[in-house]
Amino acid sequence: MKKITVITAPSKFEALRKKMIETGVCGLTVSSAEGFGVQKSKLDKMKDQDIAVEFLPRTKVEMVVKDNEAEKVIKEILECTRTGRIGDGKIFVSEIIDAVRIRTGERKEDAL
């Protein structure tokens, strides 16, 4: 199993959510986040003054998928989140060694 973590702009979340449902992903965990990458920070106007915003708003979406589904899911994520501009975000892929459905005790892929 693979855990796919997507960090992207909040404006991309709704398209990502819909695409993951269409792709057959059976569960998502979503968090609001703040951070920076290559762009470091941005300038914003506040009462006619430029101020540096150190952390930019981001949405963090996590999902666990079967090994044979991971590449398809990554391709679909790229399709709906990529603009080609700095700040599009990142996708992290991790190996999951076990999963347990608390209600039934099912394990591994059966727990997904």
N, C-alpha and C. Protein backbone atom coordinates (compact mmCIF):
# COMPACT_ATOMS: atom_id res chain seq x y z
N MET A 1 0.84 -1.18 0.00
CA MET A 1 0.00 0.00 0.00
C MET A 1 0.88 1.23 0.00
N LYS A 2 0.37 2.31 -0.55
CA LYS A 2 1.08 3.57 -0.61
C LYS A 2 0.23 4.66 0.02
N LYS A 3 0.89 5.51 0.80
CA LYS A 3 0.24 6.71 1.32
C LYS A 3 0.67 7.85 0.42
N ILE A 4 -0.30 8.54 -0.15
CA ILE A 4 -0.02 9.67 -1.02
C ILE A 4 -0.46 10.92 -0.28
N THR A 5 0.48 11.84 -0.09
CA THR A 5 0.22 13.11 0.57
C THR A 5 0.38 14.21 -0.46
N VAL A 6 -0.63 15.03 -0.60
CA VAL A 6 -0.62 16.13 -1.56
C VAL A 6 -0.68 17.44 -0.79
N ILE A 7 0.26 18.32 -1.07
CA ILE A 7 0.23 19.68 -0.51
C ILE A 7 -0.01 20.59 -1.70
N THR A 8 -1.12 21.32 -1.68
CA THR A 8 -1.47 22.15 -2.83
C THR A 8 -2.21 23.40 -2.39
N ALA A 9 -2.47 24.27 -3.33
CA ALA A 9 -3.20 25.51 -3.05
C ALA A 9 -4.65 25.17 -2.69
N PRO A 10 -5.23 25.89 -1.73
CA PRO A 10 -6.62 25.63 -1.35
C PRO A 10 -7.59 25.71 -2.53
N SER A 11 -7.28 26.55 -3.49
CA SER A 11 -8.16 26.71 -4.65
C SER A 11 -8.22 25.45 -5.51
N LYS A 12 -7.28 24.55 -5.35
CA LYS A 12 -7.24 23.31 -6.14
C LYS A 12 -7.95 22.15 -5.45
N PHE A 13 -8.37 22.33 -4.19
CA PHE A 13 -8.91 21.21 -3.44
C PHE A 13 -10.18 20.62 -4.05
N GLU A 14 -11.13 21.44 -4.43
CA GLU A 14 -12.41 20.91 -4.91
C GLU A 14 -12.23 20.08 -6.18
N ALA A 15 -11.40 20.54 -7.09
CA ALA A 15 -11.11 19.76 -8.31
C ALA A 15 -10.42 18.45 -7.94
N LEU A 16 -9.49 18.51 -6.99
CA LEU A 16 -8.78 17.31 -6.54
C LEU A 16 -9.74 16.32 -5.89
N ARG A 17 -10.61 16.80 -5.04
CA ARG A 17 -11.59 15.94 -4.37
C ARG A 17 -12.46 15.21 -5.39
N LYS A 18 -12.99 15.95 -6.35
CA LYS A 18 -13.84 15.34 -7.38
C LYS A 18 -13.07 14.31 -8.20
N LYS A 19 -11.84 14.63 -8.57
CA LYS A 19 -11.03 13.72 -9.37
C LYS A 19 -10.72 12.44 -8.60
N MET A 20 -10.46 12.54 -7.31
CA MET A 20 -10.16 11.35 -6.52
C MET A 20 -11.40 10.45 -6.40
N ILE A 21 -12.57 11.04 -6.26
CA ILE A 21 -13.81 10.25 -6.23
C ILE A 21 -13.99 9.53 -7.56
N GLU A 22 -13.80 10.26 -8.68
CA GLU A 22 -13.91 9.65 -10.01
C GLU A 22 -12.90 8.52 -10.20
N THR A 23 -11.72 8.68 -9.63
CA THR A 23 -10.64 7.70 -9.78
C THR A 23 -10.88 6.46 -8.93
N GLY A 24 -11.77 6.56 -7.94
CA GLY A 24 -12.08 5.42 -7.10
C GLY A 24 -11.35 5.39 -5.77
N VAL A 25 -10.69 6.48 -5.41
CA VAL A 25 -10.05 6.54 -4.09
C VAL A 25 -11.16 6.48 -3.05
N CYS A 26 -11.01 5.58 -2.07
CA CYS A 26 -12.11 5.33 -1.14
C CYS A 26 -12.05 6.16 0.14
N GLY A 27 -11.04 6.98 0.32
CA GLY A 27 -11.00 7.81 1.51
C GLY A 27 -9.93 8.88 1.42
N LEU A 28 -10.24 10.04 1.96
CA LEU A 28 -9.30 11.17 1.99
C LEU A 28 -9.28 11.75 3.40
N THR A 29 -8.14 12.22 3.81
CA THR A 29 -8.02 13.03 5.02
C THR A 29 -7.53 14.39 4.58
N VAL A 30 -8.19 15.44 5.02
CA VAL A 30 -7.89 16.80 4.56
C VAL A 30 -7.58 17.68 5.76
N SER A 31 -6.51 18.48 5.63
CA SER A 31 -6.12 19.42 6.67
C SER A 31 -5.76 20.75 6.04
N SER A 32 -5.99 21.81 6.78
CA SER A 32 -5.48 23.12 6.37
C SER A 32 -4.04 23.19 6.86
N ALA A 33 -3.19 23.78 6.05
CA ALA A 33 -1.78 23.89 6.41
C ALA A 33 -1.25 25.23 5.95
N GLU A 34 -0.08 25.58 6.45
CA GLU A 34 0.64 26.76 6.00
C GLU A 34 2.07 26.33 5.75
N GLY A 35 2.70 26.94 4.77
CA GLY A 35 4.08 26.59 4.51
C GLY A 35 4.66 27.39 3.38
N PHE A 36 5.89 27.06 3.04
CA PHE A 36 6.52 27.69 1.89
C PHE A 36 7.47 26.69 1.27
N GLY A 37 7.75 26.92 0.01
CA GLY A 37 8.68 26.08 -0.74
C GLY A 37 9.64 26.98 -1.47
N VAL A 38 9.75 26.80 -2.76
CA VAL A 38 10.67 27.57 -3.57
C VAL A 38 10.38 29.07 -3.48
N GLN A 39 9.10 29.43 -3.41
CA GLN A 39 8.74 30.85 -3.44
C GLN A 39 9.06 31.59 -2.15
N LYS A 40 9.40 30.89 -1.06
CA LYS A 40 9.78 31.43 0.25
C LYS A 40 8.68 32.25 0.91
N SER A 41 8.27 33.35 0.34
CA SER A 41 7.22 34.18 0.92
C SER A 41 6.66 35.05 -0.19
N LYS A 42 5.65 35.82 0.15
CA LYS A 42 5.11 36.76 -0.83
C LYS A 42 4.85 38.09 -0.14
N LEU A 43 4.76 39.13 -0.94
CA LEU A 43 4.43 40.45 -0.40
C LEU A 43 2.93 40.64 -0.50
N ASP A 44 2.35 41.22 0.54
CA ASP A 44 0.93 41.49 0.56
C ASP A 44 0.74 42.94 0.99
N LYS A 45 -0.37 43.51 0.64
CA LYS A 45 -0.68 44.89 1.03
C LYS A 45 -1.57 44.88 2.26
N MET A 46 -1.19 45.70 3.23
CA MET A 46 -2.03 45.86 4.42
C MET A 46 -2.01 47.34 4.77
N LYS A 47 -3.15 47.99 4.61
CA LYS A 47 -3.27 49.42 4.87
C LYS A 47 -2.17 50.19 4.15
N ASP A 48 -2.05 49.96 2.85
CA ASP A 48 -1.08 50.64 1.98
C ASP A 48 0.38 50.40 2.37
N GLN A 49 0.64 49.30 3.08
CA GLN A 49 2.00 48.94 3.44
C GLN A 49 2.29 47.54 2.92
N ASP A 50 3.48 47.34 2.37
CA ASP A 50 3.88 46.00 1.95
C ASP A 50 4.36 45.22 3.16
N ILE A 51 3.82 44.02 3.34
CA ILE A 51 4.29 43.16 4.41
C ILE A 51 4.62 41.79 3.81
N ALA A 52 5.61 41.13 4.37
CA ALA A 52 5.99 39.80 3.89
C ALA A 52 5.15 38.76 4.61
N VAL A 53 4.50 37.92 3.83
CA VAL A 53 3.76 36.79 4.38
C VAL A 53 4.69 35.59 4.31
N GLU A 54 5.13 35.12 5.47
CA GLU A 54 6.14 34.06 5.53
C GLU A 54 5.58 32.70 5.11
N PHE A 55 4.40 32.37 5.58
CA PHE A 55 3.80 31.09 5.27
C PHE A 55 2.55 31.30 4.43
N LEU A 56 2.41 30.50 3.39
CA LEU A 56 1.28 30.61 2.50
C LEU A 56 0.25 29.54 2.85
N PRO A 57 -1.05 29.84 2.66
CA PRO A 57 -2.07 28.83 2.96
C PRO A 57 -1.97 27.67 1.97
N ARG A 58 -2.12 26.46 2.49
CA ARG A 58 -2.06 25.24 1.69
C ARG A 58 -3.12 24.28 2.19
N THR A 59 -3.47 23.33 1.36
CA THR A 59 -4.35 22.24 1.75
C THR A 59 -3.55 20.96 1.66
N LYS A 60 -3.62 20.15 2.70
CA LYS A 60 -2.92 18.87 2.75
C LYS A 60 -3.96 17.76 2.64
N VAL A 61 -3.80 16.91 1.63
CA VAL A 61 -4.73 15.81 1.38
C VAL A 61 -3.93 14.51 1.45
N GLU A 62 -4.40 13.57 2.27
CA GLU A 62 -3.72 12.29 2.43
C GLU A 62 -4.67 11.16 2.07
N MET A 63 -4.13 10.13 1.43
CA MET A 63 -4.91 8.96 1.06
C MET A 63 -4.01 7.75 1.03
N VAL A 64 -4.57 6.58 1.27
CA VAL A 64 -3.83 5.34 1.16
C VAL A 64 -4.49 4.52 0.06
N VAL A 65 -3.66 4.05 -0.88
CA VAL A 65 -4.18 3.30 -2.03
C VAL A 65 -3.39 2.00 -2.19
N LYS A 66 -3.96 1.08 -2.94
CA LYS A 66 -3.26 -0.16 -3.26
C LYS A 66 -2.04 0.17 -4.13
N ASP A 67 -1.01 -0.65 -4.01
CA ASP A 67 0.23 -0.42 -4.78
C ASP A 67 -0.04 -0.25 -6.27
N ASN A 68 -0.91 -1.09 -6.83
CA ASN A 68 -1.14 -1.05 -8.27
C ASN A 68 -1.99 0.15 -8.71
N GLU A 69 -2.52 0.92 -7.77
CA GLU A 69 -3.32 2.10 -8.10
C GLU A 69 -2.53 3.40 -7.97
N ALA A 70 -1.37 3.35 -7.33
CA ALA A 70 -0.64 4.57 -6.96
C ALA A 70 -0.28 5.43 -8.17
N GLU A 71 0.29 4.87 -9.20
CA GLU A 71 0.70 5.67 -10.36
C GLU A 71 -0.48 6.34 -11.05
N LYS A 72 -1.60 5.63 -11.16
CA LYS A 72 -2.80 6.23 -11.76
C LYS A 72 -3.28 7.41 -10.93
N VAL A 73 -3.30 7.24 -9.61
CA VAL A 73 -3.75 8.31 -8.72
C VAL A 73 -2.82 9.52 -8.84
N ILE A 74 -1.52 9.29 -8.85
CA ILE A 74 -0.56 10.39 -8.99
C ILE A 74 -0.78 11.14 -10.30
N LYS A 75 -0.97 10.41 -11.38
CA LYS A 75 -1.23 11.03 -12.69
C LYS A 75 -2.47 11.92 -12.64
N GLU A 76 -3.53 11.42 -12.00
CA GLU A 76 -4.78 12.19 -11.89
C GLU A 76 -4.59 13.44 -11.01
N ILE A 77 -3.81 13.31 -9.94
CA ILE A 77 -3.52 14.47 -9.09
C ILE A 77 -2.80 15.54 -9.89
N LEU A 78 -1.78 15.13 -10.64
CA LEU A 78 -1.03 16.08 -11.46
C LEU A 78 -1.94 16.77 -12.47
N GLU A 79 -2.84 16.00 -13.08
CA GLU A 79 -3.74 16.55 -14.09
C GLU A 79 -4.62 17.67 -13.55
N CYS A 80 -5.08 17.52 -12.31
CA CYS A 80 -6.03 18.51 -11.81
C CYS A 80 -5.40 19.59 -10.94
N THR A 81 -4.11 19.49 -10.60
CA THR A 81 -3.50 20.51 -9.74
C THR A 81 -2.38 21.30 -10.41
N ARG A 82 -1.81 20.79 -11.48
CA ARG A 82 -0.65 21.43 -12.11
C ARG A 82 -1.07 22.65 -12.94
N THR A 83 -0.42 23.78 -12.66
CA THR A 83 -0.59 24.98 -13.49
C THR A 83 0.71 25.32 -14.22
N GLY A 84 1.81 24.77 -13.73
CA GLY A 84 3.11 25.10 -14.30
C GLY A 84 3.79 26.28 -13.63
N ARG A 85 3.15 26.83 -12.60
CA ARG A 85 3.72 27.98 -11.89
C ARG A 85 4.27 27.55 -10.54
N ILE A 86 5.19 28.33 -10.02
CA ILE A 86 5.71 28.09 -8.67
C ILE A 86 4.53 28.11 -7.70
N GLY A 87 4.53 27.18 -6.77
CA GLY A 87 3.47 27.13 -5.77
C GLY A 87 2.42 26.07 -6.06
N ASP A 88 2.59 25.29 -7.14
CA ASP A 88 1.62 24.23 -7.45
C ASP A 88 1.56 23.20 -6.33
N GLY A 89 2.68 22.96 -5.64
CA GLY A 89 2.67 22.04 -4.51
C GLY A 89 3.57 20.85 -4.71
N LYS A 90 3.36 19.85 -3.87
CA LYS A 90 4.18 18.63 -3.88
C LYS A 90 3.29 17.42 -3.66
N ILE A 91 3.78 16.27 -4.13
CA ILE A 91 3.18 14.98 -3.84
C ILE A 91 4.26 14.13 -3.18
N PHE A 92 3.96 13.56 -2.03
CA PHE A 92 4.88 12.66 -1.34
C PHE A 92 4.25 11.28 -1.32
N VAL A 93 5.05 10.25 -1.59
CA VAL A 93 4.57 8.88 -1.60
C VAL A 93 5.37 8.09 -0.57
N SER A 94 4.65 7.42 0.33
CA SER A 94 5.28 6.62 1.39
C SER A 94 4.74 5.20 1.34
N GLU A 95 5.56 4.27 1.79
CA GLU A 95 5.14 2.87 1.89
C GLU A 95 4.37 2.68 3.20
N ILE A 96 3.23 2.00 3.12
CA ILE A 96 2.45 1.66 4.31
C ILE A 96 2.60 0.17 4.53
N ILE A 97 3.01 -0.23 5.72
CA ILE A 97 3.23 -1.65 5.97
C ILE A 97 2.00 -2.36 6.51
N ASP A 98 1.06 -1.61 7.07
CA ASP A 98 -0.15 -2.25 7.59
C ASP A 98 -1.23 -1.19 7.75
N ALA A 99 -2.47 -1.65 7.73
CA ALA A 99 -3.63 -0.82 8.03
C ALA A 99 -4.63 -1.71 8.74
N VAL A 100 -5.36 -1.15 9.69
CA VAL A 100 -6.34 -1.92 10.45
C VAL A 100 -7.63 -1.11 10.51
N ARG A 101 -8.72 -1.73 10.07
CA ARG A 101 -10.03 -1.09 10.23
C ARG A 101 -10.47 -1.36 11.66
N ILE A 102 -10.62 -0.34 12.46
CA ILE A 102 -10.92 -0.50 13.88
C ILE A 102 -12.23 -1.24 14.10
N ARG A 103 -13.25 -0.90 13.34
CA ARG A 103 -14.58 -1.48 13.55
C ARG A 103 -14.59 -3.00 13.37
N THR A 104 -13.88 -3.50 12.34
CA THR A 104 -13.98 -4.93 12.01
C THR A 104 -12.70 -5.72 12.26
N GLY A 105 -11.59 -5.02 12.42
CA GLY A 105 -10.32 -5.70 12.58
C GLY A 105 -9.68 -6.12 11.26
N GLU A 106 -10.32 -5.80 10.13
CA GLU A 106 -9.74 -6.12 8.83
C GLU A 106 -8.36 -5.48 8.70
N ARG A 107 -7.47 -6.14 7.96
CA ARG A 107 -6.10 -5.67 7.86
C ARG A 107 -5.68 -5.52 6.42
N LYS A 108 -4.56 -4.78 6.27
CA LYS A 108 -3.93 -4.52 4.97
C LYS A 108 -4.94 -3.91 4.00
N GLU A 109 -4.93 -4.34 2.74
CA GLU A 109 -5.81 -3.75 1.72
C GLU A 109 -7.28 -3.94 2.03
N ASP A 110 -7.64 -5.00 2.77
CA ASP A 110 -9.05 -5.20 3.15
C ASP A 110 -9.55 -4.07 4.04
N ALA A 111 -8.64 -3.39 4.72
CA ALA A 111 -9.02 -2.30 5.61
C ALA A 111 -9.27 -0.99 4.87
N LEU A 112 -8.86 -0.95 3.61
CA LEU A 112 -9.06 0.28 2.85
C LEU A 112 -10.51 0.40 2.45
